[in-house]
Amino acid sequence: MNQSSISDYYDYTLPFYKFFWHKNNSNALHYGFWKQGTQNLQEALINTNRYLANKAHITKDNTVLDAGCGIGGSSIWLAQTIGCSVVGITISDKQVARAKDLAKKHGVDSKVQFFNENFTNTKFDDESFDVVWAIESVCHATEKSDFLNEAYRILKKDGRLILADGFLKRDPISEHERKINSDFCIGLQLPNMVKFSDFEKKLSAAGFNNIVAEDKSDEVRPSSKKLYNMCRIGYPISKLTGLLGLTPKLLTLNNLAGIKQYEGGNSGLFCYVVFYAKK
C-alpha cells in the first residue's frame, strides 16, 4: 500500500463522504459514538470529538496535532469549542485545500493550520505539541510503530496521545474471517489490521506510559450499521456502473468494505478502541 493510493482513495471518495456521511455539519470522516439520548449521526460524530478531547484533557492553552485530519472536521471543532491551536496534517492536497476553506468559513483560520505531511515522518521539531490526536488514521500506517515513534518525538514532556481506531480483536483467525479482513483492508486502502493488544505493546515500546485502552465497539455499532445499510444498496449499483465504465473499481471495493466492517464487528473479529497515553 503506497501513499499515493491512499491519497487517491480519499480524493475520489470526498464527495461521497460529504453527501452520505457528514453532510455540511461535522465534516467528520469517522465513526460516531452513540450514547443514551443521541438523536442522529451528526450528534454521534461530535460525541467522538467531545469524548476524545475530555479524555486527553485538552485546554485552550494546548497545541494539538491532528494526525490524519481529513478535511479538518475535528481540528475546526477543537479550535471552535475549546479554543486551542491545532495543526492538521494529511497526505491529500484536496483535503488540505478543503480544510483551509472550511476553517476560514467557520472563522478559526487564525487558530488552525493545515499541511500535506506524512504522520510517520513529519518536519516538526522535537517536543512541538501538547497533544497528538488521531482518529481512524493510524490504520493506514504500514508499520504502526513508525507513527508511534514520531508521535513520541514531537510530543512535549508529559504530552498526551489520544487515538481512536479499528483493530483486530483476536488472532489467529479463520479462513472466513481472513477473507472479511482482506476485503475490508483492500476497500479502505489499509495495509493491514493489527491486534489491539499488540498495539498496546507497541505504545510501551515507543516509550509511552499511563496507557489506557477502552473498547468502544458497542458505541460505534449504530454508525457501523448505518454504513452497512448504505453500502448494501451501493454495492450492486457500483458493480453495475463499474461494468459500464462509469465508476472505478475503487468504489465497488469501498462499498464491499462497508459491508464487511459490520460483519467483522458483529462477529467479534474487529473492535473499536480508544487509546490514551502519556510521554
C-alpha atoms as a PDB file:
ATOM      1  CA  MET A   1       0.000   0.000   0.000  1.00  0.00           C
ATOM      2  CA  ASN A   2       1.652   3.269  -1.057  1.00  0.00           C
ATOM      3  CA  GLN A   3       0.963   6.839  -0.030  1.00  0.00           C
ATOM      4  CA  SER A   4      -0.453   7.885  -3.405  1.00  0.00           C
ATOM      5  CA  SER A   5      -3.076   5.114  -3.420  1.00  0.00           C
ATOM      6  CA  ILE A   6      -4.348   6.257  -0.008  1.00  0.00           C
ATOM      7  CA  SER A   7      -4.428   9.870  -1.182  1.00  0.00           C
ATOM      8  CA  ASP A   8      -6.236   8.875  -4.404  1.00  0.00           C
ATOM      9  CA  TYR A   9      -8.800   6.951  -2.362  1.00  0.00           C
ATOM     10  CA  TYR A  10      -9.674   9.937  -0.183  1.00  0.00           C
ATOM     11  CA  ASP A  11      -9.630  12.343  -3.118  1.00  0.00           C
ATOM     12  CA  TYR A  12     -12.141  10.222  -5.030  1.00  0.00           C
ATOM     13  CA  THR A  13     -14.424   9.437  -2.081  1.00  0.00           C
ATOM     14  CA  LEU A  14     -14.501  13.014  -0.724  1.00  0.00           C
ATOM     15  CA  PRO A  15     -17.898  13.909  -2.291  1.00  0.00           C
ATOM     16  CA  PHE A  16     -19.389  10.580  -1.185  1.00  0.00           C
ATOM     17  CA  TYR A  17     -18.415  11.205   2.450  1.00  0.00           C
ATOM     18  CA  LYS A  18     -19.939  14.676   2.220  1.00  0.00           C
ATOM     19  CA  PHE A  19     -23.224  13.554   0.694  1.00  0.00           C
ATOM     20  CA  PHE A  20     -23.796  10.332   2.615  1.00  0.00           C
ATOM     21  CA  TRP A  21     -21.977  10.861   5.934  1.00  0.00           C
ATOM     22  CA  HIS A  22     -21.035  14.203   7.438  1.00  0.00           C
ATOM     23  CA  LYS A  23     -23.274  16.459   5.280  1.00  0.00           C
ATOM     24  CA  ASN A  24     -22.218  20.070   5.926  1.00  0.00           C
ATOM     25  CA  ASN A  25     -22.194  19.741   9.695  1.00  0.00           C
ATOM     26  CA  SER A  26     -19.396  17.851  11.445  1.00  0.00           C
ATOM     27  CA  ASN A  27     -17.158  17.389   8.371  1.00  0.00           C
ATOM     28  CA  ALA A  28     -16.133  14.127  10.037  1.00  0.00           C
ATOM     29  CA  LEU A  29     -14.844  11.071   8.194  1.00  0.00           C
ATOM     30  CA  HIS A  30     -15.038   8.803  11.245  1.00  0.00           C
ATOM     31  CA  TYR A  31     -17.485   6.629  13.207  1.00  0.00           C
ATOM     32  CA  GLY A  32     -19.673   8.384  15.742  1.00  0.00           C
ATOM     33  CA  PHE A  33     -20.167   7.432  19.397  1.00  0.00           C
ATOM     34  CA  TRP A  34     -23.813   6.718  20.191  1.00  0.00           C
ATOM     35  CA  LYS A  35     -24.864   7.057  23.811  1.00  0.00           C
ATOM     36  CA  GLN A  36     -28.206   7.411  25.539  1.00  0.00           C
ATOM     37  CA  GLY A  37     -30.024  10.396  24.089  1.00  0.00           C
ATOM     38  CA  THR A  38     -28.033  10.610  20.855  1.00  0.00           C
ATOM     39  CA  GLN A  39     -30.538  11.643  18.185  1.00  0.00           C
ATOM     40  CA  ASN A  40     -28.647  11.226  14.922  1.00  0.00           C
ATOM     41  CA  LEU A  41     -25.337  10.526  13.223  1.00  0.00           C
ATOM     42  CA  GLN A  42     -24.199  14.154  13.309  1.00  0.00           C
ATOM     43  CA  GLU A  43     -24.571  14.222  17.107  1.00  0.00           C
ATOM     44  CA  ALA A  44     -22.712  10.902  17.333  1.00  0.00           C
ATOM     45  CA  LEU A  45     -19.819  12.258  15.256  1.00  0.00           C
ATOM     46  CA  ILE A  46     -19.478  15.260  17.580  1.00  0.00           C
ATOM     47  CA  ASN A  47     -19.693  12.893  20.575  1.00  0.00           C
ATOM     48  CA  THR A  48     -16.471  11.274  19.370  1.00  0.00           C
ATOM     49  CA  ASN A  49     -14.668  14.625  19.297  1.00  0.00           C
ATOM     50  CA  ARG A  50     -16.006  15.594  22.713  1.00  0.00           C
ATOM     51  CA  TYR A  51     -15.081  12.281  24.322  1.00  0.00           C
ATOM     52  CA  LEU A  52     -11.520  12.298  22.987  1.00  0.00           C
ATOM     53  CA  ALA A  53     -10.972  15.941  23.932  1.00  0.00           C
ATOM     54  CA  ASN A  54     -12.109  15.281  27.510  1.00  0.00           C
ATOM     55  CA  LYS A  55     -10.058  12.091  27.723  1.00  0.00           C
ATOM     56  CA  ALA A  56      -6.926  13.942  26.603  1.00  0.00           C
ATOM     57  CA  HIS A  57      -7.629  16.910  28.943  1.00  0.00           C
ATOM     58  CA  ILE A  58      -7.236  19.397  26.086  1.00  0.00           C
ATOM     59  CA  THR A  59      -7.329  23.056  27.150  1.00  0.00           C
ATOM     60  CA  LYS A  60      -7.288  26.356  25.246  1.00  0.00           C
ATOM     61  CA  ASP A  61      -3.568  26.719  26.011  1.00  0.00           C
ATOM     62  CA  ASN A  62      -2.661  23.479  24.242  1.00  0.00           C
ATOM     63  CA  THR A  63      -1.241  22.989  20.768  1.00  0.00           C
ATOM     64  CA  VAL A  64      -2.697  19.887  19.134  1.00  0.00           C
ATOM     65  CA  LEU A  65      -1.533  17.901  16.120  1.00  0.00           C
ATOM     66  CA  ASP A  66      -4.460  16.321  14.269  1.00  0.00           C
ATOM     67  CA  ALA A  67      -2.626  13.436  12.585  1.00  0.00           C
ATOM     68  CA  GLY A  68      -4.617  12.385   9.543  1.00  0.00           C
ATOM     69  CA  CYS A  69      -7.001  15.337   9.763  1.00  0.00           C
ATOM     70  CA  GLY A  70      -9.167  14.627   6.715  1.00  0.00           C
ATOM     71  CA  ILE A  71     -10.996  17.816   5.741  1.00  0.00           C
ATOM     72  CA  GLY A  72     -10.380  19.302   9.177  1.00  0.00           C
ATOM     73  CA  GLY A  73     -13.609  18.440  10.981  1.00  0.00           C
ATOM     74  CA  SER A  74     -12.028  17.635  14.348  1.00  0.00           C
ATOM     75  CA  SER A  75      -9.397  20.385  14.059  1.00  0.00           C
ATOM     76  CA  ILE A  76     -12.073  23.010  13.470  1.00  0.00           C
ATOM     77  CA  TRP A  77     -14.257  21.620  16.261  1.00  0.00           C
ATOM     78  CA  LEU A  78     -11.336  21.759  18.720  1.00  0.00           C
ATOM     79  CA  ALA A  79     -10.499  25.345  17.802  1.00  0.00           C
ATOM     80  CA  GLN A  80     -14.153  26.433  17.960  1.00  0.00           C
ATOM     81  CA  THR A  81     -15.160  24.570  21.102  1.00  0.00           C
ATOM     82  CA  ILE A  82     -12.012  24.632  23.231  1.00  0.00           C
ATOM     83  CA  GLY A  83     -10.054  27.491  21.686  1.00  0.00           C
ATOM     84  CA  CYS A  84      -6.779  25.605  21.347  1.00  0.00           C
ATOM     85  CA  SER A  85      -4.333  25.901  18.452  1.00  0.00           C
ATOM     86  CA  VAL A  86      -4.410  22.974  16.021  1.00  0.00           C
ATOM     87  CA  VAL A  87      -2.166  21.795  13.229  1.00  0.00           C
ATOM     88  CA  GLY A  88      -3.839  19.317  10.901  1.00  0.00           C
ATOM     89  CA  ILE A  89      -1.870  17.081   8.560  1.00  0.00           C
ATOM     90  CA  THR A  90      -2.968  14.804   5.724  1.00  0.00           C
ATOM     91  CA  ILE A  91      -1.335  13.351   2.611  1.00  0.00           C
ATOM     92  CA  SER A  92      -4.147  14.603   0.348  1.00  0.00           C
ATOM     93  CA  ASP A  93      -3.767  18.034  -1.272  1.00  0.00           C
ATOM     94  CA  LYS A  94      -7.516  18.114  -1.902  1.00  0.00           C
ATOM     95  CA  GLN A  95      -8.197  17.569   1.787  1.00  0.00           C
ATOM     96  CA  VAL A  96      -5.740  20.319   2.745  1.00  0.00           C
ATOM     97  CA  ALA A  97      -7.450  22.773   0.396  1.00  0.00           C
ATOM     98  CA  ARG A  98     -10.921  21.827   1.617  1.00  0.00           C
ATOM     99  CA  ALA A  99      -9.859  22.019   5.286  1.00  0.00           C
ATOM    100  CA  LYS A 100      -8.423  25.514   4.786  1.00  0.00           C
ATOM    101  CA  ASP A 101     -11.659  26.671   3.154  1.00  0.00           C
ATOM    102  CA  LEU A 102     -13.742  25.225   5.988  1.00  0.00           C
ATOM    103  CA  ALA A 103     -11.517  26.794   8.674  1.00  0.00           C
ATOM    104  CA  LYS A 104     -11.992  30.189   7.041  1.00  0.00           C
ATOM    105  CA  LYS A 105     -15.740  29.618   6.700  1.00  0.00           C
ATOM    106  CA  HIS A 106     -16.008  28.756  10.410  1.00  0.00           C
ATOM    107  CA  GLY A 107     -13.836  31.695  11.465  1.00  0.00           C
ATOM    108  CA  VAL A 108     -10.983  29.710  13.017  1.00  0.00           C
ATOM    109  CA  ASP A 109      -8.314  30.072  10.324  1.00  0.00           C
ATOM    110  CA  SER A 110      -6.188  32.067  12.794  1.00  0.00           C
ATOM    111  CA  LYS A 111      -6.113  29.077  15.165  1.00  0.00           C
ATOM    112  CA  VAL A 112      -5.860  26.193  12.692  1.00  0.00           C
ATOM    113  CA  GLN A 113      -3.209  25.354  10.096  1.00  0.00           C
ATOM    114  CA  PHE A 114      -3.223  22.520   7.575  1.00  0.00           C
ATOM    115  CA  PHE A 115      -0.308  20.890   5.766  1.00  0.00           C
ATOM    116  CA  ASN A 116       0.430  17.970   3.476  1.00  0.00           C
ATOM    117  CA  GLU A 117       2.587  15.829   5.766  1.00  0.00           C
ATOM    118  CA  ASN A 118       3.095  12.129   6.407  1.00  0.00           C
ATOM    119  CA  PHE A 119       2.458  11.492  10.106  1.00  0.00           C
ATOM    120  CA  THR A 120       5.203   8.859  10.265  1.00  0.00           C
ATOM    121  CA  ASN A 121       7.879  11.361   9.211  1.00  0.00           C
ATOM    122  CA  THR A 122       6.987  14.999   9.820  1.00  0.00           C
ATOM    123  CA  LYS A 123       9.077  18.160   9.582  1.00  0.00           C
ATOM    124  CA  PHE A 124       8.069  19.348  13.053  1.00  0.00           C
ATOM    125  CA  ASP A 125      10.671  19.968  15.741  1.00  0.00           C
ATOM    126  CA  ASP A 126      11.084  17.712  18.759  1.00  0.00           C
ATOM    127  CA  GLU A 127       8.602  18.444  21.568  1.00  0.00           C
ATOM    128  CA  SER A 128       6.356  20.711  19.463  1.00  0.00           C
ATOM    129  CA  PHE A 129       2.902  19.575  20.631  1.00  0.00           C
ATOM    130  CA  ASP A 130       0.967  19.084  23.856  1.00  0.00           C
ATOM    131  CA  VAL A 131      -1.362  16.530  22.251  1.00  0.00           C
ATOM    132  CA  VAL A 132      -1.238  14.229  19.249  1.00  0.00           C
ATOM    133  CA  TRP A 133      -4.777  13.364  18.123  1.00  0.00           C
ATOM    134  CA  ALA A 134      -5.541  10.622  15.596  1.00  0.00           C
ATOM    135  CA  ILE A 135      -8.994   9.367  14.591  1.00  0.00           C
ATOM    136  CA  GLU A 136      -9.071   6.355  12.275  1.00  0.00           C
ATOM    137  CA  SER A 137      -5.826   7.347  10.583  1.00  0.00           C
ATOM    138  CA  VAL A 138      -3.159   5.153  12.189  1.00  0.00           C
ATOM    139  CA  CYS A 139      -4.774   2.151  10.480  1.00  0.00           C
ATOM    140  CA  HIS A 140      -3.243   3.494   7.240  1.00  0.00           C
ATOM    141  CA  ALA A 141       0.321   3.174   8.584  1.00  0.00           C
ATOM    142  CA  THR A 142       2.086   0.060   7.315  1.00  0.00           C
ATOM    143  CA  GLU A 143       4.200  -0.048  10.473  1.00  0.00           C
ATOM    144  CA  LYS A 144       2.187   1.346  13.371  1.00  0.00           C
ATOM    145  CA  SER A 145       5.412   1.825  15.356  1.00  0.00           C
ATOM    146  CA  ASP A 146       6.566   4.407  12.791  1.00  0.00           C
ATOM    147  CA  PHE A 147       3.620   6.603  13.756  1.00  0.00           C
ATOM    148  CA  LEU A 148       4.049   5.994  17.483  1.00  0.00           C
ATOM    149  CA  ASN A 149       7.769   6.788  17.438  1.00  0.00           C
ATOM    150  CA  GLU A 150       7.132  10.019  15.540  1.00  0.00           C
ATOM    151  CA  ALA A 151       4.293  10.991  17.882  1.00  0.00           C
ATOM    152  CA  TYR A 152       6.570  10.416  20.854  1.00  0.00           C
ATOM    153  CA  ARG A 153       9.300  12.566  19.289  1.00  0.00           C
ATOM    154  CA  ILE A 154       7.103  15.591  18.586  1.00  0.00           C
ATOM    155  CA  LEU A 155       5.221  15.489  21.896  1.00  0.00           C
ATOM    156  CA  LYS A 156       6.380  17.690  24.756  1.00  0.00           C
ATOM    157  CA  LYS A 157       7.331  16.128  28.068  1.00  0.00           C
ATOM    158  CA  ASP A 158       4.097  14.936  29.713  1.00  0.00           C
ATOM    159  CA  GLY A 159       2.349  15.348  26.347  1.00  0.00           C
ATOM    160  CA  ARG A 160      -0.635  13.135  25.562  1.00  0.00           C
ATOM    161  CA  LEU A 161      -1.526  10.851  22.711  1.00  0.00           C
ATOM    162  CA  ILE A 162      -5.206  10.194  22.034  1.00  0.00           C
ATOM    163  CA  LEU A 163      -6.397   7.977  19.220  1.00  0.00           C
ATOM    164  CA  ALA A 164      -9.465   6.050  18.159  1.00  0.00           C
ATOM    165  CA  ASP A 165      -9.290   3.293  15.578  1.00  0.00           C
ATOM    166  CA  GLY A 166     -10.330  -0.152  14.484  1.00  0.00           C
ATOM    167  CA  PHE A 167      -8.278  -3.197  15.444  1.00  0.00           C
ATOM    168  CA  LEU A 168      -8.343  -6.951  15.216  1.00  0.00           C
ATOM    169  CA  LYS A 169      -9.778  -8.339  18.420  1.00  0.00           C
ATOM    170  CA  ARG A 170      -8.161 -11.752  18.208  1.00  0.00           C
ATOM    171  CA  ASP A 171      -5.603 -13.830  16.379  1.00  0.00           C
ATOM    172  CA  PRO A 172      -5.336 -16.380  14.792  1.00  0.00           C
ATOM    173  CA  ILE A 173      -8.474 -16.038  12.686  1.00  0.00           C
ATOM    174  CA  SER A 174     -10.388 -18.483  10.491  1.00  0.00           C
ATOM    175  CA  GLU A 175     -10.219 -18.544   6.687  1.00  0.00           C
ATOM    176  CA  HIS A 176     -13.673 -16.951   6.502  1.00  0.00           C
ATOM    177  CA  GLU A 177     -12.564 -14.169   8.857  1.00  0.00           C
ATOM    178  CA  ARG A 178      -9.357 -13.759   6.883  1.00  0.00           C
ATOM    179  CA  LYS A 179     -11.469 -13.046   3.777  1.00  0.00           C
ATOM    180  CA  ILE A 180     -13.576 -10.495   5.694  1.00  0.00           C
ATOM    181  CA  ASN A 181     -10.399  -8.803   6.896  1.00  0.00           C
ATOM    182  CA  SER A 182      -8.887  -8.824   3.399  1.00  0.00           C
ATOM    183  CA  ASP A 183     -11.985  -7.306   1.752  1.00  0.00           C
ATOM    184  CA  PHE A 184     -12.141  -4.670   4.473  1.00  0.00           C
ATOM    185  CA  CYS A 185      -8.482  -3.677   4.143  1.00  0.00           C
ATOM    186  CA  ILE A 186      -8.482  -3.625   0.335  1.00  0.00           C
ATOM    187  CA  GLY A 187     -11.628  -1.491   0.127  1.00  0.00           C
ATOM    188  CA  LEU A 188     -10.346   1.102   2.593  1.00  0.00           C
ATOM    189  CA  GLN A 189      -6.733   1.138   1.387  1.00  0.00           C
ATOM    190  CA  LEU A 190      -5.390  -0.294   4.653  1.00  0.00           C
ATOM    191  CA  PRO A 191      -2.051  -2.118   4.542  1.00  0.00           C
ATOM    192  CA  ASN A 192      -3.035  -4.317   7.495  1.00  0.00           C
ATOM    193  CA  MET A 193      -5.016  -4.559  10.707  1.00  0.00           C
ATOM    194  CA  VAL A 194      -3.145  -5.014  13.970  1.00  0.00           C
ATOM    195  CA  LYS A 195      -4.439  -6.723  17.102  1.00  0.00           C
ATOM    196  CA  PHE A 196      -5.294  -4.128  19.759  1.00  0.00           C
ATOM    197  CA  SER A 197      -3.242  -5.917  22.435  1.00  0.00           C
ATOM    198  CA  ASP A 198      -0.199  -5.843  20.128  1.00  0.00           C
ATOM    199  CA  PHE A 199      -0.755  -2.133  19.535  1.00  0.00           C
ATOM    200  CA  GLU A 200      -0.694  -1.562  23.276  1.00  0.00           C
ATOM    201  CA  LYS A 201       2.715  -3.276  23.401  1.00  0.00           C
ATOM    202  CA  LYS A 202       3.951  -1.031  20.593  1.00  0.00           C
ATOM    203  CA  LEU A 203       2.888   2.008  22.620  1.00  0.00           C
ATOM    204  CA  SER A 204       5.022   0.826  25.534  1.00  0.00           C
ATOM    205  CA  ALA A 205       7.939   0.041  23.235  1.00  0.00           C
ATOM    206  CA  ALA A 206       7.792   3.595  21.848  1.00  0.00           C
ATOM    207  CA  GLY A 207       8.203   4.948  25.385  1.00  0.00           C
ATOM    208  CA  PHE A 208       4.632   5.851  26.304  1.00  0.00           C
ATOM    209  CA  ASN A 209       3.256   5.277  29.804  1.00  0.00           C
ATOM    210  CA  ASN A 210      -0.073   5.648  31.635  1.00  0.00           C
ATOM    211  CA  ILE A 211      -1.623   3.711  28.746  1.00  0.00           C
ATOM    212  CA  VAL A 212      -5.390   3.276  28.873  1.00  0.00           C
ATOM    213  CA  ALA A 213      -7.360   1.254  26.308  1.00  0.00           C
ATOM    214  CA  GLU A 214     -11.159   1.477  26.127  1.00  0.00           C
ATOM    215  CA  ASP A 215     -13.278  -0.723  23.879  1.00  0.00           C
ATOM    216  CA  LYS A 216     -15.922   1.467  22.230  1.00  0.00           C
ATOM    217  CA  SER A 217     -17.267  -1.196  19.852  1.00  0.00           C
ATOM    218  CA  ASP A 218     -20.803  -1.028  21.251  1.00  0.00           C
ATOM    219  CA  GLU A 219     -20.916   2.763  20.952  1.00  0.00           C
ATOM    220  CA  VAL A 220     -19.888   2.788  17.278  1.00  0.00           C
ATOM    221  CA  ARG A 221     -22.135  -0.122  16.245  1.00  0.00           C
ATOM    222  CA  PRO A 222     -25.071   2.108  15.183  1.00  0.00           C
ATOM    223  CA  SER A 223     -22.672   4.053  12.938  1.00  0.00           C
ATOM    224  CA  SER A 224     -21.349   0.760  11.611  1.00  0.00           C
ATOM    225  CA  LYS A 225     -24.902  -0.435  10.887  1.00  0.00           C
ATOM    226  CA  LYS A 226     -25.752   2.820   9.106  1.00  0.00           C
ATOM    227  CA  LEU A 227     -22.674   2.442   6.901  1.00  0.00           C
ATOM    228  CA  TYR A 228     -23.560  -1.206   6.257  1.00  0.00           C
ATOM    229  CA  ASN A 229     -27.093  -0.312   5.150  1.00  0.00           C
ATOM    230  CA  MET A 230     -25.815   2.331   2.738  1.00  0.00           C
ATOM    231  CA  CYS A 231     -23.180   0.027   1.274  1.00  0.00           C
ATOM    232  CA  ARG A 232     -25.602  -2.866   0.811  1.00  0.00           C
ATOM    233  CA  ILE A 233     -27.512  -0.574  -1.538  1.00  0.00           C
ATOM    234  CA  GLY A 234     -24.401   0.964  -3.065  1.00  0.00           C
ATOM    235  CA  TYR A 235     -22.527  -2.279  -3.736  1.00  0.00           C
ATOM    236  CA  PRO A 236     -24.714  -3.703  -6.544  1.00  0.00           C
ATOM    237  CA  ILE A 237     -25.124  -0.239  -8.058  1.00  0.00           C
ATOM    238  CA  SER A 238     -21.358   0.360  -8.096  1.00  0.00           C
ATOM    239  CA  LYS A 239     -20.798  -3.089  -9.622  1.00  0.00           C
ATOM    240  CA  LEU A 240     -23.146  -2.165 -12.467  1.00  0.00           C
ATOM    241  CA  THR A 241     -21.713   1.330 -13.004  1.00  0.00           C
ATOM    242  CA  GLY A 242     -18.252  -0.214 -12.873  1.00  0.00           C
ATOM    243  CA  LEU A 243     -19.116  -2.698 -15.624  1.00  0.00           C
ATOM    244  CA  LEU A 244     -20.430   0.203 -17.707  1.00  0.00           C
ATOM    245  CA  GLY A 245     -17.171   2.067 -17.173  1.00  0.00           C
ATOM    246  CA  LEU A 246     -18.872   4.901 -15.293  1.00  0.00           C
ATOM    247  CA  THR A 247     -17.131   4.438 -11.924  1.00  0.00           C
ATOM    248  CA  PRO A 248     -13.769   2.948 -10.896  1.00  0.00           C
ATOM    249  CA  LYS A 249     -13.300  -0.436  -9.220  1.00  0.00           C
ATOM    250  CA  LEU A 250     -12.258   1.505  -6.119  1.00  0.00           C
ATOM    251  CA  LEU A 251     -15.904   2.428  -5.477  1.00  0.00           C
ATOM    252  CA  THR A 252     -17.113  -1.175  -5.664  1.00  0.00           C
ATOM    253  CA  LEU A 253     -14.341  -2.332  -3.324  1.00  0.00           C
ATOM    254  CA  ASN A 254     -15.156   0.521  -0.941  1.00  0.00           C
ATOM    255  CA  ASN A 255     -18.811  -0.497  -0.771  1.00  0.00           C
ATOM    256  CA  LEU A 256     -17.793  -4.094  -0.110  1.00  0.00           C
ATOM    257  CA  ALA A 257     -15.555  -2.909   2.732  1.00  0.00           C
ATOM    258  CA  GLY A 258     -18.539  -1.066   4.196  1.00  0.00           C
ATOM    259  CA  ILE A 259     -20.428  -4.359   4.310  1.00  0.00           C
ATOM    260  CA  LYS A 260     -17.501  -6.304   5.764  1.00  0.00           C
ATOM    261  CA  GLN A 261     -16.762  -3.810   8.549  1.00  0.00           C
ATOM    262  CA  TYR A 262     -20.181  -4.538  10.039  1.00  0.00           C
ATOM    263  CA  GLU A 263     -19.899  -8.301   9.599  1.00  0.00           C
ATOM    264  CA  GLY A 264     -16.458  -8.270  11.226  1.00  0.00           C
ATOM    265  CA  GLY A 265     -17.635  -6.100  14.088  1.00  0.00           C
ATOM    266  CA  ASN A 266     -20.670  -8.270  14.790  1.00  0.00           C
ATOM    267  CA  SER A 267     -18.656 -11.492  14.748  1.00  0.00           C
ATOM    268  CA  GLY A 268     -16.089 -10.140  17.201  1.00  0.00           C
ATOM    269  CA  LEU A 269     -13.291 -10.101  14.623  1.00  0.00           C
ATOM    270  CA  PHE A 270     -12.935  -6.309  14.757  1.00  0.00           C
ATOM    271  CA  CYS A 271     -13.111  -3.966  17.721  1.00  0.00           C
ATOM    272  CA  TYR A 272     -13.037  -0.198  18.030  1.00  0.00           C
ATOM    273  CA  VAL A 273     -10.655   1.052  20.697  1.00  0.00           C
ATOM    274  CA  VAL A 274      -9.694   4.428  22.156  1.00  0.00           C
ATOM    275  CA  PHE A 275      -6.089   4.609  23.361  1.00  0.00           C
ATOM    276  CA  TYR A 276      -4.771   7.281  25.705  1.00  0.00           C
ATOM    277  CA  ALA A 277      -1.090   7.501  26.642  1.00  0.00           C
ATOM    278  CA  LYS A 278       1.422   9.986  28.072  1.00  0.00           C
ATOM    279  CA  LYS A 279       5.022  10.753  27.176  1.00  0.00           C
END
